[in-house]
Amino acid sequence: MVKFLTKVGNSEAIVIDKAILSILKITSETPLEITTDGKNLVVSPVSDPKKAQEVRKAYHAVKKRFSRALKNLAA
């Protein structure tokens, strides 16, 4: 499967097909870890429950504090 980046505000995003997300049991609430080996991009669900909870907590704190700025960037 070949994908292209999509412009989202000042950033770029990869849109993942719903069927793939369903197979991997990934939702918009699933924390994802992004790593690279210098050549490839690897996106994986966070497997450590403690780390996943920390990521969710940080995400919600950022969302609450910067929601207006994030909406403006996405526009």
PDB file of N, CA and C in Angstrom:
ATOM      1  N   MET A   1       0.847  -1.168   0.000  1.00  0.00           N
ATOM      2  CA  MET A   1       0.000   0.000   0.000  1.00  0.00           C
ATOM      3  C   MET A   1       0.898   1.239   0.000  1.00  0.00           C
ATOM      4  N   VAL A   2       0.618   2.151  -0.875  1.00  0.00           N
ATOM      5  CA  VAL A   2       1.360   3.411  -0.945  1.00  0.00           C
ATOM      6  C   VAL A   2       0.474   4.516  -0.414  1.00  0.00           C
ATOM      7  N   LYS A   3       1.019   5.349   0.452  1.00  0.00           N
ATOM      8  CA  LYS A   3       0.286   6.471   1.037  1.00  0.00           C
ATOM      9  C   LYS A   3       1.079   7.746   0.826  1.00  0.00           C
ATOM     10  N   PHE A   4       0.387   8.862   0.782  1.00  0.00           N
ATOM     11  CA  PHE A   4       1.010  10.164   0.710  1.00  0.00           C
ATOM     12  C   PHE A   4       0.626  10.956   1.951  1.00  0.00           C
ATOM     13  N   LEU A   5       1.469  11.900   2.339  1.00  0.00           N
ATOM     14  CA  LEU A   5       1.161  12.748   3.481  1.00  0.00           C
ATOM     15  C   LEU A   5       0.047  13.714   3.113  1.00  0.00           C
ATOM     16  N   THR A   6      -0.772  14.051   4.094  1.00  0.00           N
ATOM     17  CA  THR A   6      -1.879  14.989   3.944  1.00  0.00           C
ATOM     18  C   THR A   6      -1.612  16.190   4.827  1.00  0.00           C
ATOM     19  N   LYS A   7      -1.767  17.386   4.292  1.00  0.00           N
ATOM     20  CA  LYS A   7      -1.541  18.623   5.047  1.00  0.00           C
ATOM     21  C   LYS A   7      -2.619  18.777   6.112  1.00  0.00           C
ATOM     22  N   VAL A   8      -2.185  19.018   7.358  1.00  0.00           N
ATOM     23  CA  VAL A   8      -3.091  19.267   8.483  1.00  0.00           C
ATOM     24  C   VAL A   8      -2.524  20.462   9.228  1.00  0.00           C
ATOM     25  N   GLY A   9      -3.089  21.655   8.988  1.00  0.00           N
ATOM     26  CA  GLY A   9      -2.532  22.862   9.601  1.00  0.00           C
ATOM     27  C   GLY A   9      -1.099  23.048   9.128  1.00  0.00           C
ATOM     28  N   ASN A  10      -0.180  23.186  10.083  1.00  0.00           N
ATOM     29  CA  ASN A  10       1.237  23.341   9.753  1.00  0.00           C
ATOM     30  C   ASN A  10       1.982  22.010   9.754  1.00  0.00           C
ATOM     31  N   SER A  11       1.248  20.921   9.867  1.00  0.00           N
ATOM     32  CA  SER A  11       1.854  19.590   9.954  1.00  0.00           C
ATOM     33  C   SER A  11       1.433  18.737   8.768  1.00  0.00           C
ATOM     34  N   GLU A  12       1.947  17.532   8.757  1.00  0.00           N
ATOM     35  CA  GLU A  12       1.589  16.535   7.751  1.00  0.00           C
ATOM     36  C   GLU A  12       1.083  15.297   8.481  1.00  0.00           C
ATOM     37  N   ALA A  13       0.147  14.568   7.875  1.00  0.00           N
ATOM     38  CA  ALA A  13      -0.435  13.387   8.510  1.00  0.00           C
ATOM     39  C   ALA A  13      -0.503  12.242   7.509  1.00  0.00           C
ATOM     40  N   ILE A  14      -0.487  11.039   8.047  1.00  0.00           N
ATOM     41  CA  ILE A  14      -0.723   9.840   7.250  1.00  0.00           C
ATOM     42  C   ILE A  14      -2.113   9.340   7.628  1.00  0.00           C
ATOM     43  N   VAL A  15      -2.976   9.198   6.663  1.00  0.00           N
ATOM     44  CA  VAL A  15      -4.323   8.694   6.911  1.00  0.00           C
ATOM     45  C   VAL A  15      -4.268   7.173   6.764  1.00  0.00           C
ATOM     46  N   ILE A  16      -4.693   6.481   7.820  1.00  0.00           N
ATOM     47  CA  ILE A  16      -4.673   5.021   7.827  1.00  0.00           C
ATOM     48  C   ILE A  16      -6.096   4.522   7.590  1.00  0.00           C
ATOM     49  N   ASP A  17      -6.243   3.640   6.624  1.00  0.00           N
ATOM     50  CA  ASP A  17      -7.559   3.121   6.276  1.00  0.00           C
ATOM     51  C   ASP A  17      -8.246   2.483   7.480  1.00  0.00           C
ATOM     52  N   LYS A  18      -9.554   2.667   7.562  1.00  0.00           N
ATOM     53  CA  LYS A  18     -10.349   2.149   8.670  1.00  0.00           C
ATOM     54  C   LYS A  18     -10.220   0.633   8.805  1.00  0.00           C
ATOM     55  N   ALA A  19     -10.140  -0.076   7.693  1.00  0.00           N
ATOM     56  CA  ALA A  19     -10.024  -1.530   7.729  1.00  0.00           C
ATOM     57  C   ALA A  19      -8.734  -1.963   8.433  1.00  0.00           C
ATOM     58  N   ILE A  20      -7.647  -1.263   8.162  1.00  0.00           N
ATOM     59  CA  ILE A  20      -6.372  -1.590   8.812  1.00  0.00           C
ATOM     60  C   ILE A  20      -6.449  -1.284  10.303  1.00  0.00           C
ATOM     61  N   LEU A  21      -7.025  -0.130  10.649  1.00  0.00           N
ATOM     62  CA  LEU A  21      -7.177   0.220  12.064  1.00  0.00           C
ATOM     63  C   LEU A  21      -8.015  -0.825  12.784  1.00  0.00           C
ATOM     64  N   SER A  22      -9.053  -1.295  12.137  1.00  0.00           N
ATOM     65  CA  SER A  22      -9.927  -2.308  12.726  1.00  0.00           C
ATOM     66  C   SER A  22      -9.178  -3.620  12.959  1.00  0.00           C
ATOM     67  N   ILE A  23      -8.420  -4.062  11.976  1.00  0.00           N
ATOM     68  CA  ILE A  23      -7.644  -5.300  12.103  1.00  0.00           C
ATOM     69  C   ILE A  23      -6.668  -5.200  13.273  1.00  0.00           C
ATOM     70  N   LEU A  24      -6.044  -4.032  13.432  1.00  0.00           N
ATOM     71  CA  LEU A  24      -5.046  -3.841  14.486  1.00  0.00           C
ATOM     72  C   LEU A  24      -5.656  -3.398  15.813  1.00  0.00           C
ATOM     73  N   LYS A  25      -6.990  -3.218  15.818  1.00  0.00           N
ATOM     74  CA  LYS A  25      -7.711  -2.767  17.015  1.00  0.00           C
ATOM     75  C   LYS A  25      -7.162  -1.441  17.528  1.00  0.00           C
ATOM     76  N   ILE A  26      -6.947  -0.511  16.604  1.00  0.00           N
ATOM     77  CA  ILE A  26      -6.471   0.828  16.925  1.00  0.00           C
ATOM     78  C   ILE A  26      -7.625   1.805  16.736  1.00  0.00           C
ATOM     79  N   THR A  27      -7.835   2.659  17.736  1.00  0.00           N
ATOM     80  CA  THR A  27      -8.851   3.703  17.647  1.00  0.00           C
ATOM     81  C   THR A  27      -8.167   5.063  17.795  1.00  0.00           C
ATOM     82  N   SER A  28      -8.945   6.125  17.718  1.00  0.00           N
ATOM     83  CA  SER A  28      -8.382   7.468  17.895  1.00  0.00           C
ATOM     84  C   SER A  28      -7.884   7.692  19.317  1.00  0.00           C
ATOM     85  N   GLU A  29      -8.273   6.815  20.240  1.00  0.00           N
ATOM     86  CA  GLU A  29      -7.825   6.917  21.639  1.00  0.00           C
ATOM     87  C   GLU A  29      -6.598   6.040  21.932  1.00  0.00           C
ATOM     88  N   THR A  30      -6.147   5.262  20.958  1.00  0.00           N
ATOM     89  CA  THR A  30      -5.002   4.378  21.163  1.00  0.00           C
ATOM     90  C   THR A  30      -3.707   5.174  21.086  1.00  0.00           C
ATOM     91  N   PRO A  31      -2.912   5.182  22.161  1.00  0.00           N
ATOM     92  CA  PRO A  31      -1.617   5.872  22.077  1.00  0.00           C
ATOM     93  C   PRO A  31      -0.686   5.108  21.138  1.00  0.00           C
ATOM     94  N   LEU A  32      -0.024   5.838  20.275  1.00  0.00           N
ATOM     95  CA  LEU A  32       0.883   5.230  19.307  1.00  0.00           C
ATOM     96  C   LEU A  32       2.303   5.714  19.546  1.00  0.00           C
ATOM     97  N   GLU A  33       3.241   4.797  19.416  1.00  0.00           N
ATOM     98  CA  GLU A  33       4.653   5.133  19.542  1.00  0.00           C
ATOM     99  C   GLU A  33       5.241   5.189  18.139  1.00  0.00           C
ATOM    100  N   ILE A  34       5.940   6.273  17.832  1.00  0.00           N
ATOM    101  CA  ILE A  34       6.542   6.448  16.515  1.00  0.00           C
ATOM    102  C   ILE A  34       8.051   6.385  16.680  1.00  0.00           C
ATOM    103  N   THR A  35       8.666   5.453  15.947  1.00  0.00           N
ATOM    104  CA  THR A  35      10.113   5.296  16.001  1.00  0.00           C
ATOM    105  C   THR A  35      10.652   5.231  14.579  1.00  0.00           C
ATOM    106  N   THR A  36      11.969   5.312  14.479  1.00  0.00           N
ATOM    107  CA  THR A  36      12.614   5.190  13.177  1.00  0.00           C
ATOM    108  C   THR A  36      13.972   4.525  13.354  1.00  0.00           C
ATOM    109  N   ASP A  37      14.405   3.862  12.309  1.00  0.00           N
ATOM    110  CA  ASP A  37      15.756   3.305  12.293  1.00  0.00           C
ATOM    111  C   ASP A  37      16.658   4.172  11.426  1.00  0.00           C
ATOM    112  N   GLY A  38      16.176   5.352  11.077  1.00  0.00           N
ATOM    113  CA  GLY A  38      16.918   6.258  10.208  1.00  0.00           C
ATOM    114  C   GLY A  38      16.491   6.153   8.760  1.00  0.00           C
ATOM    115  N   LYS A  39      15.778   5.100   8.423  1.00  0.00           N
ATOM    116  CA  LYS A  39      15.316   4.899   7.056  1.00  0.00           C
ATOM    117  C   LYS A  39      13.811   4.632   7.003  1.00  0.00           C
ATOM    118  N   ASN A  40      13.301   3.915   7.986  1.00  0.00           N
ATOM    119  CA  ASN A  40      11.898   3.534   8.028  1.00  0.00           C
ATOM    120  C   ASN A  40      11.195   4.164   9.216  1.00  0.00           C
ATOM    121  N   LEU A  41       9.925   4.439   9.028  1.00  0.00           N
ATOM    122  CA  LEU A  41       9.070   4.956  10.086  1.00  0.00           C
ATOM    123  C   LEU A  41       8.232   3.799  10.600  1.00  0.00           C
ATOM    124  N   VAL A  42       8.217   3.604  11.916  1.00  0.00           N
ATOM    125  CA  VAL A  42       7.468   2.511  12.517  1.00  0.00           C
ATOM    126  C   VAL A  42       6.451   3.098  13.487  1.00  0.00           C
ATOM    127  N   VAL A  43       5.186   2.786  13.275  1.00  0.00           N
ATOM    128  CA  VAL A  43       4.103   3.257  14.133  1.00  0.00           C
ATOM    129  C   VAL A  43       3.510   2.038  14.814  1.00  0.00           C
ATOM    130  N   SER A  44       3.545   2.029  16.163  1.00  0.00           N
ATOM    131  CA  SER A  44       3.074   0.874  16.924  1.00  0.00           C
ATOM    132  C   SER A  44       2.220   1.325  18.095  1.00  0.00           C
ATOM    133  N   PRO A  45       1.184   0.547  18.431  1.00  0.00           N
ATOM    134  CA  PRO A  45       0.443   0.856  19.652  1.00  0.00           C
ATOM    135  C   PRO A  45       1.383   0.722  20.855  1.00  0.00           C
ATOM    136  N   VAL A  46       1.224   1.598  21.824  1.00  0.00           N
ATOM    137  CA  VAL A  46       2.020   1.506  23.040  1.00  0.00           C
ATOM    138  C   VAL A  46       1.602   0.238  23.767  1.00  0.00           C
ATOM    139  N   SER A  47       2.554  -0.653  24.023  1.00  0.00           N
ATOM    140  CA  SER A  47       2.215  -1.952  24.599  1.00  0.00           C
ATOM    141  C   SER A  47       2.276  -1.981  26.126  1.00  0.00           C
ATOM    142  N   ASP A  48       3.004  -1.067  26.732  1.00  0.00           N
ATOM    143  CA  ASP A  48       3.122  -1.023  28.189  1.00  0.00           C
ATOM    144  C   ASP A  48       1.927  -0.259  28.755  1.00  0.00           C
ATOM    145  N   PRO A  49       1.044  -0.902  29.524  1.00  0.00           N
ATOM    146  CA  PRO A  49      -0.156  -0.234  30.047  1.00  0.00           C
ATOM    147  C   PRO A  49       0.156   1.027  30.865  1.00  0.00           C
ATOM    148  N   LYS A  50       1.230   0.991  31.646  1.00  0.00           N
ATOM    149  CA  LYS A  50       1.600   2.164  32.451  1.00  0.00           C
ATOM    150  C   LYS A  50       2.006   3.324  31.538  1.00  0.00           C
ATOM    151  N   LYS A  51       2.811   3.011  30.529  1.00  0.00           N
ATOM    152  CA  LYS A  51       3.235   4.033  29.576  1.00  0.00           C
ATOM    153  C   LYS A  51       2.037   4.563  28.787  1.00  0.00           C
ATOM    154  N   ALA A  52       1.121   3.671  28.403  1.00  0.00           N
ATOM    155  CA  ALA A  52      -0.075   4.080  27.667  1.00  0.00           C
ATOM    156  C   ALA A  52      -0.901   5.056  28.502  1.00  0.00           C
ATOM    157  N   GLN A  53      -1.042   4.781  29.783  1.00  0.00           N
ATOM    158  CA  GLN A  53      -1.796   5.673  30.668  1.00  0.00           C
ATOM    159  C   GLN A  53      -1.108   7.024  30.777  1.00  0.00           C
ATOM    160  N   GLU A  54       0.223   7.038  30.870  1.00  0.00           N
ATOM    161  CA  GLU A  54       0.971   8.298  30.928  1.00  0.00           C
ATOM    162  C   GLU A  54       0.777   9.102  29.646  1.00  0.00           C
ATOM    163  N   VAL A  55       0.798   8.420  28.512  1.00  0.00           N
ATOM    164  CA  VAL A  55       0.604   9.095  27.225  1.00  0.00           C
ATOM    165  C   VAL A  55      -0.799   9.689  27.156  1.00  0.00           C
ATOM    166  N   ARG A  56      -1.817   8.923  27.558  1.00  0.00           N
ATOM    167  CA  ARG A  56      -3.194   9.441  27.548  1.00  0.00           C
ATOM    168  C   ARG A  56      -3.331  10.663  28.443  1.00  0.00           C
ATOM    169  N   LYS A  57      -2.737  10.598  29.625  1.00  0.00           N
ATOM    170  CA  LYS A  57      -2.814  11.710  30.578  1.00  0.00           C
ATOM    171  C   LYS A  57      -2.154  12.963  29.990  1.00  0.00           C
ATOM    172  N   ALA A  58      -0.988  12.800  29.395  1.00  0.00           N
ATOM    173  CA  ALA A  58      -0.289  13.935  28.779  1.00  0.00           C
ATOM    174  C   ALA A  58      -1.087  14.487  27.603  1.00  0.00           C
ATOM    175  N   TYR A  59      -1.646  13.595  26.778  1.00  0.00           N
ATOM    176  CA  TYR A  59      -2.455  14.011  25.630  1.00  0.00           C
ATOM    177  C   TYR A  59      -3.635  14.867  26.079  1.00  0.00           C
ATOM    178  N   HIS A  60      -4.356  14.411  27.095  1.00  0.00           N
ATOM    179  CA  HIS A  60      -5.527  15.150  27.564  1.00  0.00           C
ATOM    180  C   HIS A  60      -5.134  16.479  28.199  1.00  0.00           C
ATOM    181  N   ALA A  61      -3.992  16.526  28.874  1.00  0.00           N
ATOM    182  CA  ALA A  61      -3.521  17.783  29.458  1.00  0.00           C
ATOM    183  C   ALA A  61      -3.188  18.800  28.366  1.00  0.00           C
ATOM    184  N   VAL A  62      -2.500  18.343  27.328  1.00  0.00           N
ATOM    185  CA  VAL A  62      -2.157  19.232  26.205  1.00  0.00           C
ATOM    186  C   VAL A  62      -3.420  19.677  25.485  1.00  0.00           C
ATOM    187  N   LYS A  63      -4.328  18.736  25.248  1.00  0.00           N
ATOM    188  CA  LYS A  63      -5.585  19.053  24.558  1.00  0.00           C
ATOM    189  C   LYS A  63      -6.389  20.092  25.338  1.00  0.00           C
ATOM    190  N   LYS A  64      -6.448  19.928  26.647  1.00  0.00           N
ATOM    191  CA  LYS A  64      -7.200  20.866  27.479  1.00  0.00           C
ATOM    192  C   LYS A  64      -6.552  22.245  27.472  1.00  0.00           C
ATOM    193  N   ARG A  65      -5.231  22.275  27.618  1.00  0.00           N
ATOM    194  CA  ARG A  65      -4.522  23.555  27.723  1.00  0.00           C
ATOM    195  C   ARG A  65      -4.437  24.298  26.393  1.00  0.00           C
ATOM    196  N   PHE A  66      -4.267  23.567  25.298  1.00  0.00           N
ATOM    197  CA  PHE A  66      -4.004  24.209  24.006  1.00  0.00           C
ATOM    198  C   PHE A  66      -5.071  23.935  22.958  1.00  0.00           C
ATOM    199  N   SER A  67      -6.291  23.605  23.362  1.00  0.00           N
ATOM    200  CA  SER A  67      -7.319  23.228  22.391  1.00  0.00           C
ATOM    201  C   SER A  67      -7.576  24.325  21.358  1.00  0.00           C
ATOM    202  N   ARG A  68      -7.645  25.564  21.788  1.00  0.00           N
ATOM    203  CA  ARG A  68      -7.905  26.658  20.838  1.00  0.00           C
ATOM    204  C   ARG A  68      -6.768  26.779  19.829  1.00  0.00           C
ATOM    205  N   ALA A  69      -5.529  26.738  20.304  1.00  0.00           N
ATOM    206  CA  ALA A  69      -4.380  26.861  19.398  1.00  0.00           C
ATOM    207  C   ALA A  69      -4.330  25.672  18.432  1.00  0.00           C
ATOM    208  N   LEU A  70      -4.620  24.475  18.912  1.00  0.00           N
ATOM    209  CA  LEU A  70      -4.606  23.300  18.054  1.00  0.00           C
ATOM    210  C   LEU A  70      -5.693  23.385  16.979  1.00  0.00           C
ATOM    211  N   LYS A  71      -6.874  23.895  17.355  1.00  0.00           N
ATOM    212  CA  LYS A  71      -7.941  24.068  16.366  1.00  0.00           C
ATOM    213  C   LYS A  71      -7.525  25.086  15.307  1.00  0.00           C
ATOM    214  N   ASN A  72      -6.867  26.166  15.726  1.00  0.00           N
ATOM    215  CA  ASN A  72      -6.420  27.187  14.775  1.00  0.00           C
ATOM    216  C   ASN A  72      -5.365  26.616  13.838  1.00  0.00           C
ATOM    217  N   LEU A  73      -4.456  25.790  14.355  1.00  0.00           N
ATOM    218  CA  LEU A  73      -3.438  25.189  13.516  1.00  0.00           C
ATOM    219  C   LEU A  73      -4.031  24.220  12.501  1.00  0.00           C
ATOM    220  N   ALA A  74      -5.077  23.536  12.891  1.00  0.00           N
ATOM    221  CA  ALA A  74      -5.706  22.559  11.998  1.00  0.00           C
ATOM    222  C   ALA A  74      -6.545  23.230  10.926  1.00  0.00           C
ATOM    223  N   ALA A  75      -6.911  24.461  11.128  1.00  0.00           N
ATOM    224  CA  ALA A  75      -7.771  25.158  10.145  1.00  0.00           C
ATOM    225  C   ALA A  75      -7.020  25.572   8.913  1.00  0.00           C
TER     226      ALA A  75
END
